[in-house]
Protein backbone atom coordinates (compact mmCIF):
# COMPACT_ATOMS: atom_id res chain seq x y z
CA MET A 1 -4.65 -46.26 -11.33
CA VAL A 2 -3.56 -47.69 -8.03
CA THR A 3 -1.27 -45.51 -5.95
CA LEU A 4 1.29 -46.48 -3.36
CA GLU A 5 -0.67 -44.41 -0.84
CA ARG A 6 -3.80 -46.54 -1.38
CA ILE A 7 -1.76 -49.69 -0.87
CA ALA A 8 -0.32 -48.36 2.38
CA GLU A 9 -3.77 -47.30 3.58
CA ALA A 10 -5.16 -50.79 2.91
CA ALA A 11 -2.25 -52.30 4.86
CA LEU A 12 -2.79 -49.93 7.78
CA GLN A 13 -6.48 -50.81 7.80
CA ARG A 14 -5.52 -54.51 7.81
CA ASP A 15 -7.71 -55.08 4.78
CA GLY A 16 -5.86 -58.08 3.36
CA LEU A 17 -8.18 -58.80 0.45
CA ARG A 18 -8.12 -55.20 -0.79
CA LEU A 19 -4.37 -55.00 -0.18
CA ARG A 20 -3.62 -58.07 -2.31
CA SER A 21 -5.86 -56.81 -5.10
CA LEU A 22 -4.28 -53.35 -5.06
CA VAL A 23 -0.75 -54.80 -5.08
CA GLN A 24 -1.52 -57.03 -8.06
CA ASP A 25 -2.90 -54.06 -10.01
CA PHE A 26 0.02 -51.86 -8.92
CA LEU A 27 2.64 -54.36 -10.06
CA ARG A 28 0.91 -54.72 -13.41
CA ASP A 29 0.73 -50.94 -13.89
CA TYR A 30 4.25 -50.17 -12.57
CA PRO A 31 6.69 -52.95 -13.51
CA GLN A 32 9.74 -50.74 -12.75
CA LEU A 33 9.50 -50.19 -9.01
CA GLU A 34 12.65 -48.10 -8.74
CA ALA A 35 10.84 -45.26 -10.56
CA ILE A 36 7.96 -44.98 -8.06
CA PRO A 37 8.03 -41.47 -6.56
CA ARG A 38 7.85 -40.71 -2.86
CA PRO A 39 4.27 -40.23 -1.68
CA ALA A 40 3.36 -36.61 -1.08
CA THR A 41 2.33 -36.99 2.54
CA GLU A 42 3.54 -35.80 5.92
CA ASN A 43 1.82 -38.74 7.64
CA MET A 44 4.81 -40.74 8.86
CA GLN A 45 2.72 -43.86 9.55
CA LEU A 46 1.55 -43.87 5.94
CA LEU A 47 4.97 -42.94 4.52
CA GLY A 48 6.82 -45.57 6.55
CA THR A 49 4.31 -48.22 5.54
CA ALA A 50 4.54 -47.22 1.88
CA ALA A 51 8.35 -47.37 1.96
CA ALA A 52 8.36 -50.75 3.71
CA LEU A 53 5.87 -52.29 1.30
CA LEU A 54 7.66 -50.92 -1.76
CA GLU A 55 11.00 -52.26 -0.52
CA LEU A 56 9.37 -55.64 0.11
CA LEU A 57 7.84 -55.76 -3.37
CA ALA A 58 11.08 -54.64 -5.01
CA ASP A 59 13.08 -57.25 -3.13
CA ARG A 60 10.69 -60.01 -4.14
CA ALA A 61 10.77 -58.83 -7.76
CA GLY A 62 14.58 -58.77 -7.77
CA GLN A 63 14.62 -55.02 -8.38
CA PRO A 64 16.19 -52.12 -6.53
CA ALA A 65 13.84 -50.03 -4.42
CA PRO A 66 13.61 -46.29 -5.04
CA SER A 67 16.38 -44.40 -3.24
CA TRP A 68 13.87 -42.33 -1.25
CA THR A 69 12.83 -45.42 0.73
CA GLN A 70 16.23 -45.44 2.47
CA GLU A 71 15.49 -42.01 3.93
CA VAL A 72 12.26 -43.15 5.61
CA GLY A 73 12.53 -44.44 9.14
CA ALA A 74 10.29 -46.55 11.33
CA VAL A 75 6.60 -45.84 11.71
CA PRO A 76 5.63 -43.87 14.83
CA GLU A 77 3.30 -46.63 16.02
CA PRO A 78 4.38 -50.26 15.49
CA LEU A 79 1.63 -52.31 13.91
CA PHE A 80 0.73 -55.91 13.13
CA LEU A 81 -0.53 -55.98 9.55
CA LEU A 82 -2.77 -58.97 10.33
CA GLU A 83 -5.56 -58.34 12.82
CA ALA A 84 -5.34 -61.95 14.02
CA ALA A 85 -1.78 -61.36 15.23
CA THR A 86 -3.11 -59.05 17.93
CA ARG A 87 -5.13 -61.96 19.38
CA LEU A 88 -3.15 -65.11 18.59
CA LYS A 89 0.04 -65.50 20.61
CA ARG A 90 1.81 -67.87 18.19
CA LEU A 91 0.99 -65.79 15.14
CA ARG A 92 2.13 -62.65 16.95
CA ALA A 93 5.44 -64.32 17.89
CA LEU A 94 5.93 -65.54 14.30
CA CYS A 95 5.29 -62.04 12.95
CA GLU A 96 7.68 -60.43 15.43
CA ALA A 97 10.45 -62.95 14.78
CA GLU A 98 10.13 -63.56 11.05
CA ALA A 99 8.50 -60.53 9.45
CA PRO A 100 10.24 -59.62 6.19
CA GLU A 101 13.13 -57.27 6.91
CA PRO A 102 11.70 -54.23 5.05
CA LEU A 103 8.65 -54.42 7.32
CA ARG A 104 10.37 -55.32 10.59
CA LYS A 105 12.96 -52.54 10.38
CA ARG A 106 10.11 -50.03 10.25
CA GLY A 107 8.03 -51.50 13.07
CA LEU A 108 5.56 -53.37 10.89
CA TYR A 109 4.91 -57.05 11.58
CA ALA A 110 3.48 -59.75 9.33
CA PRO A 111 4.18 -63.41 8.57
CA PRO A 112 7.31 -64.16 6.51
CA ASP A 113 5.21 -64.95 3.42
CA PHE A 114 3.25 -61.67 3.59
CA LEU A 115 2.36 -60.61 0.02
CA SER A 116 4.58 -63.38 -1.34
CA PHE A 117 2.28 -63.94 -4.31
CA ALA A 118 3.57 -60.70 -5.83
């Protein structure tokens, strides 16, 4: 079974192919996103990323996010979730300006259609 922690790790590693695959499996295994428990980790980078991604997926699925996500703040180190955004000025600007709100409010940056297939 795919865990939220594995999804967050793939995002932090900027492994887009693995991330998309994990998210598809996760959504199939856990259709009710509000019931997903808080990851058991003290790593705030991982926890903030997990909360942001879960809020994003819940929003796109038209579901409420778990209440614990509201208690999680920004990640300690802001991060572009696409490696190319660190090199390409226009992509970086797009990510900073139009990243989905659940990501942007936690210091994570990606294009507005990030994981939109889900």
